N, C-alpha and C. Protein backbone atom coordinates (compact mmCIF):
# COMPACT_ATOMS: atom_id res chain seq x y z
N MET A 1 25.44 -1.21 -20.09
CA MET A 1 24.58 -2.35 -20.23
C MET A 1 23.59 -2.13 -21.37
N GLU A 2 24.01 -1.55 -22.44
CA GLU A 2 23.12 -1.37 -23.57
C GLU A 2 23.23 -2.61 -24.42
N ARG A 3 22.12 -3.38 -24.52
CA ARG A 3 22.17 -4.59 -25.31
C ARG A 3 20.77 -4.98 -25.75
N ALA A 4 20.73 -5.71 -26.80
CA ALA A 4 19.50 -6.33 -27.26
C ALA A 4 19.87 -7.75 -27.66
N LEU A 5 19.41 -8.71 -26.91
CA LEU A 5 19.71 -10.10 -27.17
C LEU A 5 18.55 -10.70 -27.94
N VAL A 6 18.86 -11.40 -29.01
CA VAL A 6 17.81 -12.02 -29.82
C VAL A 6 18.19 -13.45 -30.14
N GLY A 7 17.35 -14.13 -30.91
CA GLY A 7 17.66 -15.50 -31.30
C GLY A 7 17.37 -16.49 -30.19
N GLY A 8 16.21 -16.40 -29.57
CA GLY A 8 15.83 -17.34 -28.53
C GLY A 8 16.09 -16.82 -27.14
N ALA A 9 17.02 -15.88 -26.98
CA ALA A 9 17.29 -15.32 -25.66
C ALA A 9 16.36 -14.13 -25.43
N GLU A 10 16.19 -13.80 -24.17
CA GLU A 10 15.35 -12.66 -23.82
C GLU A 10 15.99 -11.38 -24.35
N ALA A 11 15.19 -10.53 -24.98
CA ALA A 11 15.68 -9.26 -25.49
C ALA A 11 15.57 -8.21 -24.40
N ILE A 12 16.58 -7.37 -24.32
CA ILE A 12 16.58 -6.27 -23.36
C ILE A 12 17.02 -5.02 -24.10
N VAL A 13 16.27 -3.94 -23.93
CA VAL A 13 16.68 -2.65 -24.45
C VAL A 13 16.94 -1.80 -23.21
N ALA A 14 18.16 -1.27 -23.10
CA ALA A 14 18.53 -0.57 -21.87
C ALA A 14 19.28 0.72 -22.16
N ILE A 15 19.05 1.67 -21.28
CA ILE A 15 19.86 2.88 -21.21
C ILE A 15 20.44 2.82 -19.81
N GLU A 16 21.74 2.56 -19.73
CA GLU A 16 22.38 2.23 -18.46
C GLU A 16 22.02 3.21 -17.34
N GLY A 17 21.53 2.64 -16.24
CA GLY A 17 21.21 3.42 -15.06
C GLY A 17 19.93 4.22 -15.16
N VAL A 18 19.22 4.13 -16.28
CA VAL A 18 18.04 4.99 -16.47
C VAL A 18 16.78 4.19 -16.79
N LEU A 19 16.86 3.28 -17.79
CA LEU A 19 15.66 2.58 -18.25
C LEU A 19 16.00 1.20 -18.76
N THR A 20 15.12 0.24 -18.46
CA THR A 20 15.23 -1.11 -19.00
C THR A 20 13.87 -1.50 -19.54
N LEU A 21 13.84 -2.05 -20.75
CA LEU A 21 12.60 -2.47 -21.39
C LEU A 21 12.80 -3.88 -21.94
N HIS A 22 11.81 -4.73 -21.76
CA HIS A 22 11.84 -6.10 -22.28
C HIS A 22 10.85 -6.18 -23.44
N PRO A 23 11.35 -6.13 -24.68
CA PRO A 23 10.43 -6.23 -25.83
C PRO A 23 9.69 -7.57 -25.84
N ALA A 24 8.45 -7.53 -26.28
CA ALA A 24 7.66 -8.75 -26.45
C ALA A 24 8.28 -9.60 -27.56
N PRO A 25 8.01 -10.90 -27.58
CA PRO A 25 8.53 -11.76 -28.65
C PRO A 25 8.15 -11.19 -30.03
N GLY A 26 9.13 -11.20 -30.93
CA GLY A 26 8.89 -10.70 -32.28
C GLY A 26 9.23 -9.23 -32.45
N TRP A 27 9.43 -8.51 -31.37
CA TRP A 27 9.81 -7.10 -31.43
C TRP A 27 11.32 -7.02 -31.36
N ARG A 28 11.90 -6.06 -32.08
CA ARG A 28 13.36 -5.92 -32.06
C ARG A 28 13.74 -4.44 -32.05
N GLU A 29 14.88 -4.16 -31.44
CA GLU A 29 15.37 -2.79 -31.43
C GLU A 29 15.89 -2.44 -32.83
N GLU A 30 15.64 -1.23 -33.26
CA GLU A 30 16.12 -0.72 -34.55
C GLU A 30 17.37 0.12 -34.26
N PRO A 31 18.58 -0.46 -34.39
CA PRO A 31 19.80 0.23 -33.97
C PRO A 31 20.08 1.53 -34.72
N ARG A 32 19.65 1.64 -35.97
CA ARG A 32 19.96 2.88 -36.71
C ARG A 32 19.13 4.06 -36.24
N LEU A 33 18.11 3.82 -35.40
CA LEU A 33 17.31 4.91 -34.85
C LEU A 33 17.72 5.26 -33.42
N ARG A 34 18.78 4.65 -32.94
CA ARG A 34 19.27 4.88 -31.58
C ARG A 34 19.91 6.26 -31.50
N VAL A 35 19.62 6.99 -30.42
CA VAL A 35 20.21 8.31 -30.18
C VAL A 35 20.73 8.34 -28.74
N ASP A 36 21.94 8.79 -28.57
CA ASP A 36 22.52 9.08 -27.26
C ASP A 36 23.26 10.39 -27.41
N ASP A 37 22.63 11.47 -26.98
CA ASP A 37 23.17 12.81 -27.15
C ASP A 37 23.14 13.52 -25.80
N GLY A 38 24.17 13.31 -25.00
CA GLY A 38 24.19 13.90 -23.66
C GLY A 38 23.12 13.27 -22.79
N ALA A 39 22.20 14.08 -22.30
CA ALA A 39 21.13 13.59 -21.43
C ALA A 39 19.93 13.06 -22.22
N LEU A 40 19.94 13.18 -23.56
CA LEU A 40 18.84 12.71 -24.40
C LEU A 40 19.17 11.33 -24.97
N HIS A 41 18.24 10.40 -24.80
CA HIS A 41 18.40 9.04 -25.31
C HIS A 41 17.11 8.65 -26.03
N ARG A 42 17.25 7.89 -27.11
CA ARG A 42 16.08 7.42 -27.84
C ARG A 42 16.34 5.99 -28.32
N ARG A 43 15.34 5.15 -28.11
CA ARG A 43 15.37 3.78 -28.59
C ARG A 43 14.04 3.53 -29.30
N VAL A 44 14.08 2.67 -30.32
CA VAL A 44 12.86 2.31 -31.06
C VAL A 44 12.84 0.80 -31.22
N VAL A 45 11.74 0.18 -30.82
CA VAL A 45 11.54 -1.24 -31.07
C VAL A 45 10.40 -1.38 -32.07
N VAL A 46 10.54 -2.33 -32.98
CA VAL A 46 9.58 -2.46 -34.08
C VAL A 46 9.15 -3.92 -34.24
N ARG A 47 7.96 -4.06 -34.79
CA ARG A 47 7.47 -5.35 -35.29
C ARG A 47 6.58 -5.02 -36.47
N GLY A 48 6.99 -5.40 -37.64
CA GLY A 48 6.25 -5.03 -38.84
C GLY A 48 6.22 -3.52 -38.98
N ALA A 49 5.03 -2.97 -39.21
CA ALA A 49 4.89 -1.53 -39.37
C ALA A 49 4.63 -0.80 -38.05
N ALA A 50 4.48 -1.56 -36.96
CA ALA A 50 4.23 -0.95 -35.65
C ALA A 50 5.55 -0.64 -34.96
N ALA A 51 5.55 0.39 -34.12
CA ALA A 51 6.78 0.77 -33.42
C ALA A 51 6.46 1.33 -32.04
N LEU A 52 7.44 1.21 -31.17
CA LEU A 52 7.42 1.85 -29.87
C LEU A 52 8.70 2.65 -29.76
N ALA A 53 8.57 3.97 -29.74
CA ALA A 53 9.72 4.86 -29.57
C ALA A 53 9.77 5.28 -28.11
N ILE A 54 10.95 5.19 -27.52
CA ILE A 54 11.15 5.57 -26.13
C ILE A 54 12.15 6.72 -26.13
N GLN A 55 11.72 7.85 -25.60
CA GLN A 55 12.60 9.02 -25.49
C GLN A 55 12.83 9.30 -24.01
N VAL A 56 14.08 9.39 -23.61
CA VAL A 56 14.45 9.62 -22.21
C VAL A 56 15.29 10.88 -22.14
N ILE A 57 14.92 11.76 -21.22
CA ILE A 57 15.71 12.97 -20.97
C ILE A 57 16.05 12.98 -19.49
N GLU A 58 17.33 12.83 -19.20
CA GLU A 58 17.76 12.76 -17.80
C GLU A 58 17.74 14.14 -17.15
N GLY A 59 17.27 14.18 -15.89
CA GLY A 59 17.35 15.37 -15.07
C GLY A 59 16.52 16.56 -15.50
N VAL A 60 15.47 16.34 -16.28
CA VAL A 60 14.67 17.46 -16.78
C VAL A 60 13.61 17.92 -15.77
N GLY A 61 13.08 16.99 -14.97
CA GLY A 61 12.06 17.34 -13.98
C GLY A 61 10.76 17.77 -14.64
N GLY A 62 9.98 18.55 -13.92
CA GLY A 62 8.70 19.02 -14.44
C GLY A 62 7.59 18.03 -14.16
N THR A 63 6.47 18.24 -14.82
CA THR A 63 5.30 17.40 -14.62
C THR A 63 5.03 16.56 -15.87
N PRO A 64 4.36 15.43 -15.71
CA PRO A 64 3.99 14.64 -16.87
C PRO A 64 3.12 15.43 -17.86
N ASP A 65 2.21 16.26 -17.34
CA ASP A 65 1.36 17.07 -18.23
C ASP A 65 2.19 17.99 -19.11
N ALA A 66 3.17 18.66 -18.52
CA ALA A 66 4.02 19.58 -19.29
C ALA A 66 4.87 18.80 -20.29
N LEU A 67 5.36 17.64 -19.88
CA LEU A 67 6.16 16.80 -20.78
C LEU A 67 5.32 16.35 -21.97
N ALA A 68 4.10 15.91 -21.72
CA ALA A 68 3.20 15.48 -22.80
C ALA A 68 2.90 16.63 -23.75
N ALA A 69 2.66 17.81 -23.21
CA ALA A 69 2.36 18.98 -24.05
C ALA A 69 3.56 19.33 -24.93
N ARG A 70 4.78 19.27 -24.36
CA ARG A 70 5.99 19.56 -25.14
C ARG A 70 6.22 18.50 -26.21
N TYR A 71 5.80 17.28 -25.96
CA TYR A 71 5.97 16.24 -26.96
C TYR A 71 4.96 16.40 -28.10
N ALA A 72 3.73 16.74 -27.74
CA ALA A 72 2.69 16.94 -28.77
C ALA A 72 3.04 18.11 -29.68
N ASP A 73 3.57 19.16 -29.10
CA ASP A 73 3.91 20.35 -29.89
C ASP A 73 5.23 20.88 -29.36
N PRO A 74 6.31 20.65 -30.04
CA PRO A 74 6.43 20.52 -31.48
C PRO A 74 6.69 19.11 -32.01
N GLU A 75 7.08 18.14 -31.19
CA GLU A 75 7.52 16.83 -31.69
C GLU A 75 6.53 16.22 -32.69
N LEU A 76 5.29 16.03 -32.28
CA LEU A 76 4.30 15.43 -33.19
C LEU A 76 3.87 16.41 -34.27
N ARG A 77 3.65 17.64 -33.89
CA ARG A 77 3.15 18.63 -34.85
C ARG A 77 4.11 18.81 -36.03
N GLU A 78 5.40 18.66 -35.80
CA GLU A 78 6.38 18.80 -36.89
C GLU A 78 6.38 17.61 -37.85
N ARG A 79 5.92 16.45 -37.39
CA ARG A 79 5.93 15.25 -38.23
C ARG A 79 4.69 15.10 -39.11
N PHE A 80 3.62 15.79 -38.76
CA PHE A 80 2.36 15.60 -39.46
C PHE A 80 1.83 16.90 -40.03
N VAL A 81 1.19 16.80 -41.19
CA VAL A 81 0.55 17.99 -41.78
C VAL A 81 -0.83 18.19 -41.19
N GLN A 82 -1.43 17.12 -40.67
CA GLN A 82 -2.69 17.20 -39.92
C GLN A 82 -2.51 16.37 -38.67
N LEU A 83 -3.01 16.88 -37.54
CA LEU A 83 -2.86 16.16 -36.28
C LEU A 83 -4.09 16.39 -35.41
N ARG A 84 -4.68 15.29 -34.93
CA ARG A 84 -5.76 15.35 -33.94
C ARG A 84 -5.26 14.63 -32.70
N VAL A 85 -5.37 15.30 -31.57
CA VAL A 85 -4.89 14.75 -30.30
C VAL A 85 -6.08 14.60 -29.36
N SER A 86 -6.15 13.46 -28.67
CA SER A 86 -7.23 13.22 -27.72
C SER A 86 -6.96 13.94 -26.41
N ARG A 87 -7.92 13.84 -25.54
CA ARG A 87 -7.79 14.39 -24.19
C ARG A 87 -6.72 13.63 -23.42
N VAL A 88 -6.00 14.31 -22.57
CA VAL A 88 -4.97 13.70 -21.74
C VAL A 88 -5.64 13.00 -20.55
N GLU A 89 -5.23 11.75 -20.33
CA GLU A 89 -5.77 10.93 -19.24
C GLU A 89 -4.65 10.52 -18.30
N PRO A 90 -4.95 10.26 -17.02
CA PRO A 90 -3.92 9.76 -16.11
C PRO A 90 -3.45 8.37 -16.52
N ALA A 91 -2.20 8.07 -16.21
CA ALA A 91 -1.61 6.76 -16.50
C ALA A 91 -0.62 6.42 -15.40
N LEU A 92 -0.32 5.15 -15.26
CA LEU A 92 0.66 4.69 -14.29
C LEU A 92 1.61 3.75 -15.01
N VAL A 93 2.90 4.05 -15.00
CA VAL A 93 3.91 3.24 -15.68
C VAL A 93 5.01 2.92 -14.68
N ALA A 94 5.28 1.65 -14.50
CA ALA A 94 6.34 1.22 -13.60
C ALA A 94 6.19 1.85 -12.22
N GLY A 95 4.94 2.00 -11.79
CA GLY A 95 4.67 2.58 -10.49
C GLY A 95 4.80 4.09 -10.44
N VAL A 96 5.06 4.73 -11.58
CA VAL A 96 5.24 6.17 -11.64
C VAL A 96 4.02 6.80 -12.30
N PRO A 97 3.37 7.78 -11.63
CA PRO A 97 2.21 8.41 -12.25
C PRO A 97 2.60 9.23 -13.47
N GLY A 98 1.74 9.22 -14.46
CA GLY A 98 1.98 9.97 -15.68
C GLY A 98 0.69 10.29 -16.38
N VAL A 99 0.79 10.58 -17.65
CA VAL A 99 -0.38 10.89 -18.47
C VAL A 99 -0.27 10.17 -19.81
N ARG A 100 -1.42 10.04 -20.48
CA ARG A 100 -1.47 9.35 -21.76
C ARG A 100 -2.48 10.06 -22.66
N PHE A 101 -2.16 10.15 -23.95
CA PHE A 101 -3.12 10.66 -24.93
C PHE A 101 -2.92 9.94 -26.25
N GLY A 102 -3.96 9.90 -27.03
CA GLY A 102 -3.90 9.29 -28.36
C GLY A 102 -3.83 10.37 -29.42
N TYR A 103 -3.44 9.96 -30.61
CA TYR A 103 -3.42 10.91 -31.72
C TYR A 103 -3.64 10.19 -33.04
N VAL A 104 -4.07 10.94 -34.03
CA VAL A 104 -4.12 10.50 -35.42
C VAL A 104 -3.47 11.61 -36.22
N GLY A 105 -2.47 11.25 -37.01
CA GLY A 105 -1.75 12.23 -37.81
C GLY A 105 -1.70 11.80 -39.26
N VAL A 106 -1.61 12.78 -40.14
CA VAL A 106 -1.47 12.54 -41.57
C VAL A 106 -0.10 13.08 -41.98
N THR A 107 0.71 12.21 -42.60
CA THR A 107 2.05 12.60 -43.02
C THR A 107 2.00 13.40 -44.32
N ARG A 108 3.14 13.96 -44.70
CA ARG A 108 3.24 14.73 -45.95
C ARG A 108 2.88 13.89 -47.18
N ASP A 109 3.16 12.57 -47.10
CA ASP A 109 2.80 11.71 -48.24
C ASP A 109 1.41 11.09 -48.07
N ARG A 110 0.59 11.66 -47.19
CA ARG A 110 -0.83 11.34 -47.00
C ARG A 110 -1.10 10.02 -46.28
N ALA A 111 -0.11 9.44 -45.63
CA ALA A 111 -0.32 8.23 -44.82
C ALA A 111 -0.91 8.65 -43.48
N THR A 112 -1.89 7.89 -43.01
CA THR A 112 -2.50 8.16 -41.71
C THR A 112 -1.86 7.25 -40.67
N ILE A 113 -1.40 7.86 -39.61
CA ILE A 113 -0.72 7.16 -38.51
C ILE A 113 -1.53 7.38 -37.24
N GLU A 114 -1.73 6.30 -36.49
CA GLU A 114 -2.38 6.44 -35.18
C GLU A 114 -1.36 6.09 -34.11
N GLY A 115 -1.49 6.78 -32.98
CA GLY A 115 -0.51 6.54 -31.93
C GLY A 115 -1.05 6.85 -30.55
N VAL A 116 -0.30 6.41 -29.57
CA VAL A 116 -0.59 6.69 -28.17
C VAL A 116 0.72 7.12 -27.52
N VAL A 117 0.68 8.23 -26.82
CA VAL A 117 1.84 8.78 -26.14
C VAL A 117 1.62 8.69 -24.64
N THR A 118 2.60 8.15 -23.93
CA THR A 118 2.56 8.07 -22.47
C THR A 118 3.78 8.81 -21.94
N ALA A 119 3.57 9.73 -21.02
CA ALA A 119 4.67 10.54 -20.48
C ALA A 119 4.71 10.41 -18.96
N ILE A 120 5.93 10.18 -18.44
CA ILE A 120 6.13 10.13 -17.00
C ILE A 120 7.39 10.92 -16.65
N VAL A 121 7.44 11.36 -15.40
CA VAL A 121 8.66 11.96 -14.86
C VAL A 121 8.96 11.21 -13.57
N ALA A 122 10.05 10.46 -13.56
CA ALA A 122 10.44 9.66 -12.40
C ALA A 122 10.87 10.59 -11.26
N PRO A 123 10.84 10.10 -10.03
CA PRO A 123 11.28 10.91 -8.89
C PRO A 123 12.70 11.46 -9.06
N SER A 124 13.54 10.77 -9.84
CA SER A 124 14.91 11.22 -10.08
C SER A 124 14.96 12.45 -11.00
N GLY A 125 13.81 12.79 -11.62
CA GLY A 125 13.77 13.89 -12.59
C GLY A 125 13.93 13.42 -14.02
N THR A 126 14.08 12.11 -14.21
CA THR A 126 14.18 11.56 -15.56
C THR A 126 12.82 11.58 -16.22
N ALA A 127 12.74 12.21 -17.39
CA ALA A 127 11.50 12.27 -18.15
C ALA A 127 11.52 11.17 -19.20
N VAL A 128 10.42 10.45 -19.32
CA VAL A 128 10.32 9.36 -20.29
C VAL A 128 9.03 9.51 -21.08
N VAL A 129 9.15 9.44 -22.40
CA VAL A 129 7.99 9.44 -23.28
C VAL A 129 8.01 8.14 -24.06
N PHE A 130 6.90 7.41 -23.98
CA PHE A 130 6.70 6.20 -24.78
C PHE A 130 5.70 6.57 -25.87
N GLU A 131 6.08 6.38 -27.13
CA GLU A 131 5.16 6.65 -28.23
C GLU A 131 4.97 5.37 -29.03
N ALA A 132 3.77 4.80 -28.93
CA ALA A 132 3.41 3.61 -29.71
C ALA A 132 2.66 4.09 -30.94
N PHE A 133 3.05 3.61 -32.13
CA PHE A 133 2.38 4.08 -33.33
C PHE A 133 2.42 3.04 -34.45
N ALA A 134 1.48 3.18 -35.36
CA ALA A 134 1.36 2.27 -36.50
C ALA A 134 0.49 2.94 -37.55
N PRO A 135 0.55 2.44 -38.79
CA PRO A 135 -0.39 2.94 -39.80
C PRO A 135 -1.82 2.71 -39.33
N GLU A 136 -2.73 3.53 -39.82
CA GLU A 136 -4.13 3.47 -39.42
C GLU A 136 -4.65 2.03 -39.44
N GLY A 137 -5.26 1.62 -38.35
CA GLY A 137 -5.81 0.27 -38.22
C GLY A 137 -4.82 -0.75 -37.69
N GLY A 138 -3.55 -0.41 -37.59
CA GLY A 138 -2.53 -1.37 -37.18
C GLY A 138 -2.21 -1.37 -35.70
N LEU A 139 -2.66 -0.37 -34.98
CA LEU A 139 -2.30 -0.27 -33.57
C LEU A 139 -3.10 -1.23 -32.69
N ALA A 140 -4.35 -1.43 -33.01
CA ALA A 140 -5.22 -2.27 -32.18
C ALA A 140 -4.68 -3.69 -32.05
N GLY A 141 -4.12 -4.24 -33.11
CA GLY A 141 -3.63 -5.61 -33.09
C GLY A 141 -2.41 -5.84 -32.21
N VAL A 142 -1.69 -4.78 -31.87
CA VAL A 142 -0.49 -4.91 -31.03
C VAL A 142 -0.61 -4.13 -29.73
N ALA A 143 -1.79 -3.59 -29.46
CA ALA A 143 -1.98 -2.75 -28.27
C ALA A 143 -1.65 -3.49 -26.98
N GLY A 144 -2.04 -4.75 -26.87
CA GLY A 144 -1.75 -5.52 -25.66
C GLY A 144 -0.25 -5.69 -25.43
N GLU A 145 0.47 -6.01 -26.49
CA GLU A 145 1.93 -6.17 -26.37
C GLU A 145 2.59 -4.84 -26.03
N LEU A 146 2.17 -3.77 -26.69
CA LEU A 146 2.73 -2.46 -26.41
C LEU A 146 2.48 -2.06 -24.96
N GLY A 147 1.24 -2.25 -24.50
CA GLY A 147 0.91 -1.92 -23.12
C GLY A 147 1.74 -2.70 -22.12
N ALA A 148 1.94 -3.99 -22.39
CA ALA A 148 2.74 -4.82 -21.49
C ALA A 148 4.21 -4.38 -21.48
N MET A 149 4.75 -4.01 -22.64
CA MET A 149 6.15 -3.55 -22.68
C MET A 149 6.30 -2.26 -21.89
N ILE A 150 5.36 -1.33 -22.08
CA ILE A 150 5.44 -0.05 -21.37
C ILE A 150 5.25 -0.26 -19.88
N ASP A 151 4.22 -1.03 -19.51
CA ASP A 151 3.96 -1.27 -18.08
C ASP A 151 5.09 -2.01 -17.39
N GLY A 152 5.83 -2.83 -18.16
CA GLY A 152 6.93 -3.59 -17.58
C GLY A 152 8.27 -2.87 -17.59
N ALA A 153 8.29 -1.67 -18.12
CA ALA A 153 9.55 -0.92 -18.16
C ALA A 153 10.01 -0.58 -16.74
N VAL A 154 11.31 -0.55 -16.56
CA VAL A 154 11.88 -0.14 -15.28
C VAL A 154 12.56 1.20 -15.51
N VAL A 155 12.09 2.22 -14.78
CA VAL A 155 12.62 3.57 -14.91
C VAL A 155 13.22 3.97 -13.58
N ARG A 156 14.46 4.48 -13.64
CA ARG A 156 15.14 4.90 -12.41
C ARG A 156 15.24 6.39 -12.35
């Protein structure tokens, strides 16, 4: 059931049996960034320069705190030459407790990116990381849509 319907129909981004996300109007899945490598899945939805990357790892277990720490270092640390990460705060996504932190990173070509990472581990052991990001100053304008997409995700 992997599909993204567009052109007036409701868009759905799905990883069969694991996650379903309904992008807000104007957001679209970027198919060339799709990854399905065994238990690792990645989807990216974009609108303009803003993006929401969803990384799913089936059967990994652990805690949201540990998942967030593993995502911050090395995932984020490898992408940025400078990185500032905020304090980790509790979060609730699709009824599943998790954690959330913000970051500001500077890329090798000196672009400043701001982002928010939300990490959950479903009772099934499926780990999900939602990373919302945009160039500096661009995240605030889409924060409501990003929050609604993340909060409306269905994780199994």
